[in-house]
Amino acid sequence: MQKQDKISIIVPCHNEEEVLPETSRRLVIKMGSLMEKGLISEDSKVLLVNDGSKDRTWELITGLHKENPLFEGVKLIRNRGPQNALLAGLM
């Protein structure tokens, strides 16, 4: 059996309270499909980087992490912009 590649998708999040539930639902479907087809490892992750949000984004991220091991979170104290959020996720 061939070893699947582990991937991590980094998603910068700034004040995403309204759309994060739908975004996360779609990511679960897509990642699950890729895992079922054996295209990616079941150890793959979605890293949600809270980029200084002032709404409930971080609360939603922590809830997603508790519900589904696919999700992990990083919290930036203040808004650094999407490129810096991506860099934070890579580190």
C-alpha atoms as a PDB file:
ATOM      1  CA  MET A   1       0.000   0.000   0.000  1.00  0.00           C
ATOM      2  CA  GLN A   2       1.308   3.451  -0.943  1.00  0.00           C
ATOM      3  CA  LYS A   3       1.820   6.010   1.810  1.00  0.00           C
ATOM      4  CA  GLN A   4      -0.462   9.052   1.442  1.00  0.00           C
ATOM      5  CA  ASP A   5       0.875  12.571   1.763  1.00  0.00           C
ATOM      6  CA  LYS A   6      -0.072  14.551   4.828  1.00  0.00           C
ATOM      7  CA  ILE A   7      -1.272  18.044   3.965  1.00  0.00           C
ATOM      8  CA  SER A   8      -2.076  21.083   6.053  1.00  0.00           C
ATOM      9  CA  ILE A   9      -4.374  23.786   4.786  1.00  0.00           C
ATOM     10  CA  ILE A  10      -3.803  27.169   6.399  1.00  0.00           C
ATOM     11  CA  VAL A  11      -6.825  29.465   6.518  1.00  0.00           C
ATOM     12  CA  PRO A  12      -6.343  33.072   7.684  1.00  0.00           C
ATOM     13  CA  CYS A  13      -9.452  34.184   9.603  1.00  0.00           C
ATOM     14  CA  HIS A  14     -10.319  37.790  10.432  1.00  0.00           C
ATOM     15  CA  ASN A  15     -13.841  38.432  11.736  1.00  0.00           C
ATOM     16  CA  GLU A  16     -15.206  35.290  10.058  1.00  0.00           C
ATOM     17  CA  GLU A  17     -17.963  34.543  12.574  1.00  0.00           C
ATOM     18  CA  GLU A  18     -20.708  34.635   9.938  1.00  0.00           C
ATOM     19  CA  VAL A  19     -19.019  32.424   7.338  1.00  0.00           C
ATOM     20  CA  LEU A  20     -16.768  30.098   9.358  1.00  0.00           C
ATOM     21  CA  PRO A  21     -19.482  27.492  10.023  1.00  0.00           C
ATOM     22  CA  GLU A  22     -20.110  27.065   6.273  1.00  0.00           C
ATOM     23  CA  THR A  23     -16.415  27.239   5.382  1.00  0.00           C
ATOM     24  CA  SER A  24     -15.554  24.560   7.944  1.00  0.00           C
ATOM     25  CA  ARG A  25     -18.425  22.343   6.763  1.00  0.00           C
ATOM     26  CA  ARG A  26     -17.122  22.501   3.182  1.00  0.00           C
ATOM     27  CA  LEU A  27     -13.555  21.808   4.300  1.00  0.00           C
ATOM     28  CA  VAL A  28     -14.688  18.720   6.228  1.00  0.00           C
ATOM     29  CA  ILE A  29     -16.442  17.400   3.124  1.00  0.00           C
ATOM     30  CA  LYS A  30     -13.479  18.067   0.812  1.00  0.00           C
ATOM     31  CA  MET A  31     -10.820  16.721   3.178  1.00  0.00           C
ATOM     32  CA  GLY A  32     -12.962  13.675   3.983  1.00  0.00           C
ATOM     33  CA  SER A  33     -13.387  12.936   0.285  1.00  0.00           C
ATOM     34  CA  LEU A  34      -9.647  13.162  -0.341  1.00  0.00           C
ATOM     35  CA  MET A  35      -8.963  10.885   2.643  1.00  0.00           C
ATOM     36  CA  GLU A  36     -11.557   8.319   1.526  1.00  0.00           C
ATOM     37  CA  LYS A  37      -9.962   8.180  -1.921  1.00  0.00           C
ATOM     38  CA  GLY A  38      -6.563   7.603  -0.339  1.00  0.00           C
ATOM     39  CA  LEU A  39      -5.167  10.784  -1.856  1.00  0.00           C
ATOM     40  CA  ILE A  40      -4.132  12.335   1.464  1.00  0.00           C
ATOM     41  CA  SER A  41      -3.273  10.986   4.883  1.00  0.00           C
ATOM     42  CA  GLU A  42      -5.871  10.871   7.645  1.00  0.00           C
ATOM     43  CA  ASP A  43      -3.354  12.892   9.690  1.00  0.00           C
ATOM     44  CA  SER A  44      -3.930  15.905   7.426  1.00  0.00           C
ATOM     45  CA  LYS A  45      -5.096  19.115   9.108  1.00  0.00           C
ATOM     46  CA  VAL A  46      -6.849  22.413   8.580  1.00  0.00           C
ATOM     47  CA  LEU A  47      -5.111  25.176  10.536  1.00  0.00           C
ATOM     48  CA  LEU A  48      -7.369  28.156  11.198  1.00  0.00           C
ATOM     49  CA  VAL A  49      -5.331  31.265  12.060  1.00  0.00           C
ATOM     50  CA  ASN A  50      -7.362  33.850  13.944  1.00  0.00           C
ATOM     51  CA  ASP A  51      -5.881  37.152  12.789  1.00  0.00           C
ATOM     52  CA  GLY A  52      -6.913  39.460  15.630  1.00  0.00           C
ATOM     53  CA  SER A  53     -10.658  39.070  15.144  1.00  0.00           C
ATOM     54  CA  LYS A  54     -12.981  41.210  17.269  1.00  0.00           C
ATOM     55  CA  ASP A  55     -15.984  38.896  16.849  1.00  0.00           C
ATOM     56  CA  ARG A  56     -16.530  35.260  17.947  1.00  0.00           C
ATOM     57  CA  THR A  57     -14.119  33.788  15.377  1.00  0.00           C
ATOM     58  CA  TRP A  58     -11.710  32.400  18.001  1.00  0.00           C
ATOM     59  CA  GLU A  59     -14.580  30.884  19.988  1.00  0.00           C
ATOM     60  CA  LEU A  60     -15.764  29.112  16.827  1.00  0.00           C
ATOM     61  CA  ILE A  61     -12.246  27.888  16.044  1.00  0.00           C
ATOM     62  CA  THR A  62     -11.820  26.392  19.524  1.00  0.00           C
ATOM     63  CA  GLY A  63     -15.244  24.756  19.197  1.00  0.00           C
ATOM     64  CA  LEU A  64     -14.305  23.225  15.842  1.00  0.00           C
ATOM     65  CA  HIS A  65     -11.076  21.885  17.341  1.00  0.00           C
ATOM     66  CA  LYS A  66     -12.993  20.229  20.190  1.00  0.00           C
ATOM     67  CA  GLU A  67     -15.517  18.673  17.781  1.00  0.00           C
ATOM     68  CA  ASN A  68     -13.188  17.499  15.034  1.00  0.00           C
ATOM     69  CA  PRO A  69      -9.466  16.602  15.190  1.00  0.00           C
ATOM     70  CA  LEU A  70      -9.127  17.807  11.587  1.00  0.00           C
ATOM     71  CA  PHE A  71      -9.112  21.405  12.867  1.00  0.00           C
ATOM     72  CA  GLU A  72      -6.376  23.181  14.775  1.00  0.00           C
ATOM     73  CA  GLY A  73      -6.114  26.854  15.655  1.00  0.00           C
ATOM     74  CA  VAL A  74      -3.574  29.603  16.141  1.00  0.00           C
ATOM     75  CA  LYS A  75      -4.519  32.924  17.719  1.00  0.00           C
ATOM     76  CA  LEU A  76      -2.780  36.170  16.803  1.00  0.00           C
ATOM     77  CA  ILE A  77      -3.474  38.888  19.367  1.00  0.00           C
ATOM     78  CA  ARG A  78      -3.893  41.648  16.786  1.00  0.00           C
ATOM     79  CA  ASN A  79      -4.538  41.855  13.077  1.00  0.00           C
ATOM     80  CA  ARG A  80      -1.357  41.249  11.105  1.00  0.00           C
ATOM     81  CA  GLY A  81      -2.861  40.758   7.648  1.00  0.00           C
ATOM     82  CA  PRO A  82      -3.431  37.584   5.624  1.00  0.00           C
ATOM     83  CA  GLN A  83       0.194  37.096   4.549  1.00  0.00           C
ATOM     84  CA  ASN A  84       1.457  37.244   8.126  1.00  0.00           C
ATOM     85  CA  ALA A  85      -1.357  34.924   9.220  1.00  0.00           C
ATOM     86  CA  LEU A  86      -0.185  32.441   6.567  1.00  0.00           C
ATOM     87  CA  LEU A  87       3.394  32.745   7.802  1.00  0.00           C
ATOM     88  CA  ALA A  88       2.244  32.187  11.396  1.00  0.00           C
ATOM     89  CA  GLY A  89       0.473  29.026  10.241  1.00  0.00           C
ATOM     90  CA  LEU A  90       3.605  27.766   8.504  1.00  0.00           C
ATOM     91  CA  MET A  91       5.672  28.257  11.629  1.00  0.00           C
END
